[in-house]
Amino acid sequence: GAHRFQVKVYAAHNLLGARVTFQRYRSSSKRWVAVKVVQMHTTVTKGQTVLTSAKFRSSIKAHQRVRASLGSRQVSPCYVAAHSNTIRS
């Protein structure tokens, strides 16, 4: 739906409570800007893989380039910081 987003992380470890930064691309400065920080709150275990997710809303304008970023403080010491693929809002 409009202004609704979901972040899912598949890993071998539980990332419950990790904070994901929702970002949009600002073309004027050619940088990613933080829009919202979301805390992971749902966990489902399937075999040895753990799915941690968060659903959230954002009032970001339509057709903006957005992504999710998981920082090194949230995933250390087992994983490396990462960004999701870019989508249009």
PDB file of N, CA and C in Angstrom:
ATOM      1  N   GLY A   1       0.814  -1.180   0.000  1.00  0.00           N
ATOM      2  CA  GLY A   1       0.000   0.000   0.000  1.00  0.00           C
ATOM      3  C   GLY A   1       0.863   1.251   0.000  1.00  0.00           C
ATOM      4  N   ALA A   2       0.214   2.357  -0.156  1.00  0.00           N
ATOM      5  CA  ALA A   2       0.925   3.630  -0.173  1.00  0.00           C
ATOM      6  C   ALA A   2       1.544   3.928   1.185  1.00  0.00           C
ATOM      7  N   HIS A   3       2.779   4.343   1.162  1.00  0.00           N
ATOM      8  CA  HIS A   3       3.514   4.752   2.363  1.00  0.00           C
ATOM      9  C   HIS A   3       3.744   3.613   3.363  1.00  0.00           C
ATOM     10  N   ARG A   4       3.639   2.374   2.926  1.00  0.00           N
ATOM     11  CA  ARG A   4       3.887   1.222   3.795  1.00  0.00           C
ATOM     12  C   ARG A   4       5.089   0.454   3.257  1.00  0.00           C
ATOM     13  N   PHE A   5       5.973   0.080   4.168  1.00  0.00           N
ATOM     14  CA  PHE A   5       7.197  -0.602   3.783  1.00  0.00           C
ATOM     15  C   PHE A   5       7.455  -1.752   4.742  1.00  0.00           C
ATOM     16  N   GLN A   6       8.273  -2.705   4.296  1.00  0.00           N
ATOM     17  CA  GLN A   6       8.654  -3.832   5.130  1.00  0.00           C
ATOM     18  C   GLN A   6      10.115  -4.168   4.855  1.00  0.00           C
ATOM     19  N   VAL A   7      10.850  -4.413   5.922  1.00  0.00           N
ATOM     20  CA  VAL A   7      12.254  -4.820   5.828  1.00  0.00           C
ATOM     21  C   VAL A   7      12.349  -6.239   6.356  1.00  0.00           C
ATOM     22  N   LYS A   8      12.999  -7.132   5.581  1.00  0.00           N
ATOM     23  CA  LYS A   8      13.213  -8.512   6.008  1.00  0.00           C
ATOM     24  C   LYS A   8      14.700  -8.819   5.938  1.00  0.00           C
ATOM     25  N   VAL A   9      15.218  -9.474   6.975  1.00  0.00           N
ATOM     26  CA  VAL A   9      16.626  -9.866   7.015  1.00  0.00           C
ATOM     27  C   VAL A   9      16.692 -11.361   7.286  1.00  0.00           C
ATOM     28  N   TYR A  10      17.318 -12.100   6.384  1.00  0.00           N
ATOM     29  CA  TYR A  10      17.540 -13.525   6.558  1.00  0.00           C
ATOM     30  C   TYR A  10      18.971 -13.717   7.020  1.00  0.00           C
ATOM     31  N   ALA A  11      19.157 -14.408   8.150  1.00  0.00           N
ATOM     32  CA  ALA A  11      20.499 -14.617   8.694  1.00  0.00           C
ATOM     33  C   ALA A  11      20.499 -15.890   9.530  1.00  0.00           C
ATOM     34  N   ALA A  12      21.675 -16.285   9.960  1.00  0.00           N
ATOM     35  CA  ALA A  12      21.807 -17.451  10.828  1.00  0.00           C
ATOM     36  C   ALA A  12      21.605 -17.063  12.290  1.00  0.00           C
ATOM     37  N   HIS A  13      21.692 -15.760  12.591  1.00  0.00           N
ATOM     38  CA  HIS A  13      21.516 -15.267  13.956  1.00  0.00           C
ATOM     39  C   HIS A  13      20.291 -14.367  14.028  1.00  0.00           C
ATOM     40  N   ASN A  14      19.701 -14.300  15.190  1.00  0.00           N
ATOM     41  CA  ASN A  14      18.550 -13.455  15.446  1.00  0.00           C
ATOM     42  C   ASN A  14      18.987 -11.989  15.499  1.00  0.00           C
ATOM     43  N   LEU A  15      18.355 -11.124  14.724  1.00  0.00           N
ATOM     44  CA  LEU A  15      18.659  -9.696  14.734  1.00  0.00           C
ATOM     45  C   LEU A  15      17.532  -8.892  15.370  1.00  0.00           C
ATOM     46  N   LEU A  16      16.791  -9.524  16.258  1.00  0.00           N
ATOM     47  CA  LEU A  16      15.695  -8.867  16.964  1.00  0.00           C
ATOM     48  C   LEU A  16      16.233  -7.672  17.744  1.00  0.00           C
ATOM     49  N   GLY A  17      15.631  -6.519  17.574  1.00  0.00           N
ATOM     50  CA  GLY A  17      16.069  -5.312  18.251  1.00  0.00           C
ATOM     51  C   GLY A  17      17.072  -4.483  17.457  1.00  0.00           C
ATOM     52  N   ALA A  18      17.579  -5.020  16.358  1.00  0.00           N
ATOM     53  CA  ALA A  18      18.519  -4.261  15.517  1.00  0.00           C
ATOM     54  C   ALA A  18      17.775  -3.095  14.873  1.00  0.00           C
ATOM     55  N   ARG A  19      18.491  -2.003  14.651  1.00  0.00           N
ATOM     56  CA  ARG A  19      17.886  -0.817  14.057  1.00  0.00           C
ATOM     57  C   ARG A  19      18.301  -0.691  12.591  1.00  0.00           C
ATOM     58  N   VAL A  20      17.312  -0.527  11.740  1.00  0.00           N
ATOM     59  CA  VAL A  20      17.516  -0.360  10.310  1.00  0.00           C
ATOM     60  C   VAL A  20      17.202   1.094   9.966  1.00  0.00           C
ATOM     61  N   THR A  21      18.058   1.709   9.172  1.00  0.00           N
ATOM     62  CA  THR A  21      17.832   3.082   8.747  1.00  0.00           C
ATOM     63  C   THR A  21      17.179   3.084   7.369  1.00  0.00           C
ATOM     64  N   PHE A  22      16.018   3.688   7.268  1.00  0.00           N
ATOM     65  CA  PHE A  22      15.307   3.842   6.007  1.00  0.00           C
ATOM     66  C   PHE A  22      15.791   5.150   5.389  1.00  0.00           C
ATOM     67  N   GLN A  23      16.286   5.087   4.155  1.00  0.00           N
ATOM     68  CA  GLN A  23      16.918   6.251   3.534  1.00  0.00           C
ATOM     69  C   GLN A  23      16.302   6.569   2.180  1.00  0.00           C
ATOM     70  N   ARG A  24      16.397   7.845   1.779  1.00  0.00           N
ATOM     71  CA  ARG A  24      16.009   8.256   0.438  1.00  0.00           C
ATOM     72  C   ARG A  24      17.192   8.953  -0.212  1.00  0.00           C
ATOM     73  N   TYR A  25      17.205   8.928  -1.532  1.00  0.00           N
ATOM     74  CA  TYR A  25      18.310   9.531  -2.266  1.00  0.00           C
ATOM     75  C   TYR A  25      17.975  10.980  -2.584  1.00  0.00           C
ATOM     76  N   ARG A  26      18.849  11.891  -2.197  1.00  0.00           N
ATOM     77  CA  ARG A  26      18.676  13.310  -2.501  1.00  0.00           C
ATOM     78  C   ARG A  26      19.549  13.617  -3.709  1.00  0.00           C
ATOM     79  N   SER A  27      18.925  13.808  -4.862  1.00  0.00           N
ATOM     80  CA  SER A  27      19.677  13.993  -6.099  1.00  0.00           C
ATOM     81  C   SER A  27      20.444  15.315  -6.137  1.00  0.00           C
ATOM     82  N   SER A  28      19.965  16.331  -5.418  1.00  0.00           N
ATOM     83  CA  SER A  28      20.665  17.619  -5.446  1.00  0.00           C
ATOM     84  C   SER A  28      22.052  17.540  -4.813  1.00  0.00           C
ATOM     85  N   SER A  29      22.190  16.754  -3.752  1.00  0.00           N
ATOM     86  CA  SER A  29      23.488  16.605  -3.090  1.00  0.00           C
ATOM     87  C   SER A  29      24.155  15.266  -3.400  1.00  0.00           C
ATOM     88  N   LYS A  30      23.452  14.418  -4.159  1.00  0.00           N
ATOM     89  CA  LYS A  30      23.947  13.089  -4.526  1.00  0.00           C
ATOM     90  C   LYS A  30      24.353  12.264  -3.295  1.00  0.00           C
ATOM     91  N   ARG A  31      23.480  12.284  -2.295  1.00  0.00           N
ATOM     92  CA  ARG A  31      23.714  11.546  -1.045  1.00  0.00           C
ATOM     93  C   ARG A  31      22.433  10.876  -0.582  1.00  0.00           C
ATOM     94  N   TRP A  32      22.629   9.829   0.234  1.00  0.00           N
ATOM     95  CA  TRP A  32      21.504   9.161   0.870  1.00  0.00           C
ATOM     96  C   TRP A  32      21.219   9.852   2.193  1.00  0.00           C
ATOM     97  N   VAL A  33      19.939  10.150   2.453  1.00  0.00           N
ATOM     98  CA  VAL A  33      19.518  10.875   3.638  1.00  0.00           C
ATOM     99  C   VAL A  33      18.603   9.982   4.470  1.00  0.00           C
ATOM    100  N   ALA A  34      18.847   9.928   5.779  1.00  0.00           N
ATOM    101  CA  ALA A  34      18.016   9.113   6.665  1.00  0.00           C
ATOM    102  C   ALA A  34      16.617   9.710   6.776  1.00  0.00           C
ATOM    103  N   VAL A  35      15.618   8.865   6.619  1.00  0.00           N
ATOM    104  CA  VAL A  35      14.227   9.283   6.741  1.00  0.00           C
ATOM    105  C   VAL A  35      13.661   8.808   8.072  1.00  0.00           C
ATOM    106  N   LYS A  36      13.988   7.558   8.424  1.00  0.00           N
ATOM    107  CA  LYS A  36      13.406   6.951   9.620  1.00  0.00           C
ATOM    108  C   LYS A  36      14.294   5.821  10.104  1.00  0.00           C
ATOM    109  N   VAL A  37      14.339   5.624  11.408  1.00  0.00           N
ATOM    110  CA  VAL A  37      15.040   4.487  11.999  1.00  0.00           C
ATOM    111  C   VAL A  37      13.975   3.533  12.523  1.00  0.00           C
ATOM    112  N   VAL A  38      14.063   2.282  12.092  1.00  0.00           N
ATOM    113  CA  VAL A  38      13.059   1.267  12.420  1.00  0.00           C
ATOM    114  C   VAL A  38      13.724   0.144  13.193  1.00  0.00           C
ATOM    115  N   GLN A  39      13.065  -0.319  14.246  1.00  0.00           N
ATOM    116  CA  GLN A  39      13.605  -1.422  15.043  1.00  0.00           C
ATOM    117  C   GLN A  39      12.969  -2.736  14.590  1.00  0.00           C
ATOM    118  N   MET A  40      13.805  -3.743  14.379  1.00  0.00           N
ATOM    119  CA  MET A  40      13.327  -5.064  13.972  1.00  0.00           C
ATOM    120  C   MET A  40      12.545  -5.672  15.128  1.00  0.00           C
ATOM    121  N   HIS A  41      11.325  -6.180  14.853  1.00  0.00           N
ATOM    122  CA  HIS A  41      10.477  -6.619  15.960  1.00  0.00           C
ATOM    123  C   HIS A  41       9.823  -7.983  15.789  1.00  0.00           C
ATOM    124  N   THR A  42       9.973  -8.622  14.647  1.00  0.00           N
ATOM    125  CA  THR A  42       9.347  -9.921  14.433  1.00  0.00           C
ATOM    126  C   THR A  42      10.394 -10.934  13.994  1.00  0.00           C
ATOM    127  N   THR A  43      10.344 -12.134  14.591  1.00  0.00           N
ATOM    128  CA  THR A  43      11.305 -13.180  14.257  1.00  0.00           C
ATOM    129  C   THR A  43      10.575 -14.488  13.962  1.00  0.00           C
ATOM    130  N   VAL A  44      10.993 -15.152  12.881  1.00  0.00           N
ATOM    131  CA  VAL A  44      10.481 -16.466  12.517  1.00  0.00           C
ATOM    132  C   VAL A  44      11.684 -17.339  12.207  1.00  0.00           C
ATOM    133  N   THR A  45      11.737 -18.536  12.798  1.00  0.00           N
ATOM    134  CA  THR A  45      12.848 -19.452  12.554  1.00  0.00           C
ATOM    135  C   THR A  45      12.389 -20.571  11.636  1.00  0.00           C
ATOM    136  N   LYS A  46      13.149 -20.779  10.549  1.00  0.00           N
ATOM    137  CA  LYS A  46      12.870 -21.862   9.606  1.00  0.00           C
ATOM    138  C   LYS A  46      14.148 -22.653   9.434  1.00  0.00           C
ATOM    139  N   GLY A  47      14.247 -23.752  10.128  1.00  0.00           N
ATOM    140  CA  GLY A  47      15.471 -24.549  10.090  1.00  0.00           C
ATOM    141  C   GLY A  47      16.594 -23.794  10.771  1.00  0.00           C
ATOM    142  N   GLN A  48      17.692 -23.589  10.063  1.00  0.00           N
ATOM    143  CA  GLN A  48      18.817 -22.852  10.631  1.00  0.00           C
ATOM    144  C   GLN A  48      18.799 -21.380  10.234  1.00  0.00           C
ATOM    145  N   THR A  49      17.805 -20.964   9.446  1.00  0.00           N
ATOM    146  CA  THR A  49      17.707 -19.581   9.003  1.00  0.00           C
ATOM    147  C   THR A  49      16.690 -18.837   9.856  1.00  0.00           C
ATOM    148  N   VAL A  50      17.055 -17.632  10.265  1.00  0.00           N
ATOM    149  CA  VAL A  50      16.177 -16.797  11.075  1.00  0.00           C
ATOM    150  C   VAL A  50      15.745 -15.606  10.226  1.00  0.00           C
ATOM    151  N   LEU A  51      14.435 -15.385  10.127  1.00  0.00           N
ATOM    152  CA  LEU A  51      13.885 -14.237   9.424  1.00  0.00           C
ATOM    153  C   LEU A  51      13.489 -13.198  10.460  1.00  0.00           C
ATOM    154  N   THR A  52      14.110 -12.034  10.403  1.00  0.00           N
ATOM    155  CA  THR A  52      13.765 -10.932  11.289  1.00  0.00           C
ATOM    156  C   THR A  52      13.207  -9.824  10.419  1.00  0.00           C
ATOM    157  N   SER A  53      12.071  -9.240  10.818  1.00  0.00           N
ATOM    158  CA  SER A  53      11.441  -8.251   9.957  1.00  0.00           C
ATOM    159  C   SER A  53      10.831  -7.111  10.745  1.00  0.00           C
ATOM    160  N   ALA A  54      10.476  -6.064  10.008  1.00  0.00           N
ATOM    161  CA  ALA A  54       9.799  -4.906  10.583  1.00  0.00           C
ATOM    162  C   ALA A  54       8.911  -4.299   9.521  1.00  0.00           C
ATOM    163  N   LYS A  55       7.686  -3.970   9.884  1.00  0.00           N
ATOM    164  CA  LYS A  55       6.766  -3.245   9.005  1.00  0.00           C
ATOM    165  C   LYS A  55       6.641  -1.840   9.562  1.00  0.00           C
ATOM    166  N   PHE A  56       6.594  -0.863   8.658  1.00  0.00           N
ATOM    167  CA  PHE A  56       6.500   0.521   9.119  1.00  0.00           C
ATOM    168  C   PHE A  56       5.860   1.384   8.047  1.00  0.00           C
ATOM    169  N   ARG A  57       5.515   2.598   8.444  1.00  0.00           N
ATOM    170  CA  ARG A  57       4.928   3.576   7.534  1.00  0.00           C
ATOM    171  C   ARG A  57       5.854   4.768   7.434  1.00  0.00           C
ATOM    172  N   SER A  58       5.826   5.414   6.287  1.00  0.00           N
ATOM    173  CA  SER A  58       6.607   6.620   6.075  1.00  0.00           C
ATOM    174  C   SER A  58       5.817   7.542   5.159  1.00  0.00           C
ATOM    175  N   SER A  59       5.860   8.825   5.422  1.00  0.00           N
ATOM    176  CA  SER A  59       5.116   9.781   4.605  1.00  0.00           C
ATOM    177  C   SER A  59       5.970  10.338   3.470  1.00  0.00           C
ATOM    178  N   ILE A  60       6.937   9.573   3.010  1.00  0.00           N
ATOM    179  CA  ILE A  60       7.814   9.996   1.926  1.00  0.00           C
ATOM    180  C   ILE A  60       7.011  10.137   0.631  1.00  0.00           C
ATOM    181  N   LYS A  61       7.393  11.101  -0.196  1.00  0.00           N
ATOM    182  CA  LYS A  61       6.697  11.342  -1.462  1.00  0.00           C
ATOM    183  C   LYS A  61       6.837  10.135  -2.395  1.00  0.00           C
ATOM    184  N   ALA A  62       5.919  10.045  -3.329  1.00  0.00           N
ATOM    185  CA  ALA A  62       5.940   8.957  -4.305  1.00  0.00           C
ATOM    186  C   ALA A  62       7.100   9.123  -5.284  1.00  0.00           C
ATOM    187  N   HIS A  63       7.560   8.024  -5.815  1.00  0.00           N
ATOM    188  CA  HIS A  63       8.600   7.949  -6.853  1.00  0.00           C
ATOM    189  C   HIS A  63       9.991   8.361  -6.372  1.00  0.00           C
ATOM    190  N   GLN A  64      10.222   8.345  -5.081  1.00  0.00           N
ATOM    191  CA  GLN A  64      11.553   8.619  -4.539  1.00  0.00           C
ATOM    192  C   GLN A  64      12.355   7.326  -4.537  1.00  0.00           C
ATOM    193  N   ARG A  65      13.670   7.418  -4.732  1.00  0.00           N
ATOM    194  CA  ARG A  65      14.536   6.254  -4.612  1.00  0.00           C
ATOM    195  C   ARG A  65      14.794   6.030  -3.127  1.00  0.00           C
ATOM    196  N   VAL A  66      14.496   4.832  -2.632  1.00  0.00           N
ATOM    197  CA  VAL A  66      14.666   4.516  -1.213  1.00  0.00           C
ATOM    198  C   VAL A  66      15.419   3.206  -1.046  1.00  0.00           C
ATOM    199  N   ARG A  67      16.000   3.028   0.134  1.00  0.00           N
ATOM    200  CA  ARG A  67      16.690   1.789   0.484  1.00  0.00           C
ATOM    201  C   ARG A  67      16.712   1.657   1.999  1.00  0.00           C
ATOM    202  N   ALA A  68      17.096   0.479   2.471  1.00  0.00           N
ATOM    203  CA  ALA A  68      17.281   0.224   3.900  1.00  0.00           C
ATOM    204  C   ALA A  68      18.759  -0.040   4.139  1.00  0.00           C
ATOM    205  N   SER A  69      19.254   0.438   5.270  1.00  0.00           N
ATOM    206  CA  SER A  69      20.666   0.279   5.595  1.00  0.00           C
ATOM    207  C   SER A  69      20.791  -0.321   6.990  1.00  0.00           C
ATOM    208  N   LEU A  70      21.587  -1.352   7.100  1.00  0.00           N
ATOM    209  CA  LEU A  70      21.841  -2.013   8.376  1.00  0.00           C
ATOM    210  C   LEU A  70      23.296  -1.754   8.739  1.00  0.00           C
ATOM    211  N   GLY A  71      23.521  -0.941   9.747  1.00  0.00           N
ATOM    212  CA  GLY A  71      24.864  -0.504  10.116  1.00  0.00           C
ATOM    213  C   GLY A  71      25.693  -1.569  10.812  1.00  0.00           C
ATOM    214  N   SER A  72      26.985  -1.320  10.867  1.00  0.00           N
ATOM    215  CA  SER A  72      27.915  -2.291  11.443  1.00  0.00           C
ATOM    216  C   SER A  72      27.696  -2.486  12.941  1.00  0.00           C
ATOM    217  N   ARG A  73      27.259  -1.460  13.646  1.00  0.00           N
ATOM    218  CA  ARG A  73      26.990  -1.606  15.087  1.00  0.00           C
ATOM    219  C   ARG A  73      25.822  -2.545  15.359  1.00  0.00           C
ATOM    220  N   GLN A  74      24.893  -2.627  14.422  1.00  0.00           N
ATOM    221  CA  GLN A  74      23.703  -3.450  14.608  1.00  0.00           C
ATOM    222  C   GLN A  74      23.959  -4.924  14.316  1.00  0.00           C
ATOM    223  N   VAL A  75      24.943  -5.229  13.499  1.00  0.00           N
ATOM    224  CA  VAL A  75      25.155  -6.615  13.087  1.00  0.00           C
ATOM    225  C   VAL A  75      26.467  -7.220  13.567  1.00  0.00           C
ATOM    226  N   SER A  76      27.344  -6.408  14.156  1.00  0.00           N
ATOM    227  CA  SER A  76      28.646  -6.930  14.595  1.00  0.00           C
ATOM    228  C   SER A  76      28.458  -7.880  15.770  1.00  0.00           C
ATOM    229  N   PRO A  77      29.327  -8.791  16.003  1.00  0.00           N
ATOM    230  CA  PRO A  77      30.592  -9.069  15.339  1.00  0.00           C
ATOM    231  C   PRO A  77      30.488 -10.095  14.221  1.00  0.00           C
ATOM    232  N   CYS A  78      29.304 -10.621  13.955  1.00  0.00           N
ATOM    233  CA  CYS A  78      29.179 -11.745  13.010  1.00  0.00           C
ATOM    234  C   CYS A  78      29.021 -11.345  11.551  1.00  0.00           C
ATOM    235  N   TYR A  79      28.444 -10.189  11.282  1.00  0.00           N
ATOM    236  CA  TYR A  79      28.141  -9.807   9.909  1.00  0.00           C
ATOM    237  C   TYR A  79      28.745  -8.446   9.569  1.00  0.00           C
ATOM    238  N   VAL A  80      28.673  -8.109   8.283  1.00  0.00           N
ATOM    239  CA  VAL A  80      29.178  -6.837   7.773  1.00  0.00           C
ATOM    240  C   VAL A  80      27.980  -5.929   7.485  1.00  0.00           C
ATOM    241  N   ALA A  81      28.149  -4.626   7.664  1.00  0.00           N
ATOM    242  CA  ALA A  81      27.084  -3.678   7.351  1.00  0.00           C
ATOM    243  C   ALA A  81      26.681  -3.804   5.888  1.00  0.00           C
ATOM    244  N   ALA A  82      25.402  -3.539   5.597  1.00  0.00           N
ATOM    245  CA  ALA A  82      24.920  -3.714   4.220  1.00  0.00           C
ATOM    246  C   ALA A  82      23.759  -2.775   3.928  1.00  0.00           C
ATOM    247  N   HIS A  83      23.501  -2.585   2.631  1.00  0.00           N
ATOM    248  CA  HIS A  83      22.381  -1.796   2.151  1.00  0.00           C
ATOM    249  C   HIS A  83      21.501  -2.700   1.297  1.00  0.00           C
ATOM    250  N   SER A  84      20.218  -2.407   1.274  1.00  0.00           N
ATOM    251  CA  SER A  84      19.313  -3.162   0.414  1.00  0.00           C
ATOM    252  C   SER A  84      19.405  -2.651  -1.021  1.00  0.00           C
ATOM    253  N   ASN A  85      18.718  -3.314  -1.907  1.00  0.00           N
ATOM    254  CA  ASN A  85      18.578  -2.795  -3.271  1.00  0.00           C
ATOM    255  C   ASN A  85      17.730  -1.532  -3.211  1.00  0.00           C
ATOM    256  N   THR A  86      17.864  -0.695  -4.211  1.00  0.00           N
ATOM    257  CA  THR A  86      17.101   0.537  -4.298  1.00  0.00           C
ATOM    258  C   THR A  86      15.764   0.271  -4.990  1.00  0.00           C
ATOM    259  N   ILE A  87      14.687   0.854  -4.430  1.00  0.00           N
ATOM    260  CA  ILE A  87      13.360   0.760  -5.043  1.00  0.00           C
ATOM    261  C   ILE A  87      12.773   2.161  -5.146  1.00  0.00           C
ATOM    262  N   ARG A  88      11.673   2.288  -5.856  1.00  0.00           N
ATOM    263  CA  ARG A  88      10.934   3.546  -5.929  1.00  0.00           C
ATOM    264  C   ARG A  88       9.775   3.482  -4.952  1.00  0.00           C
ATOM    265  N   SER A  89       9.591   4.549  -4.196  1.00  0.00           N
ATOM    266  CA  SER A  89       8.492   4.576  -3.218  1.00  0.00           C
ATOM    267  C   SER A  89       7.156   4.759  -3.900  1.00  0.00           C
TER     268      SER A  89
END
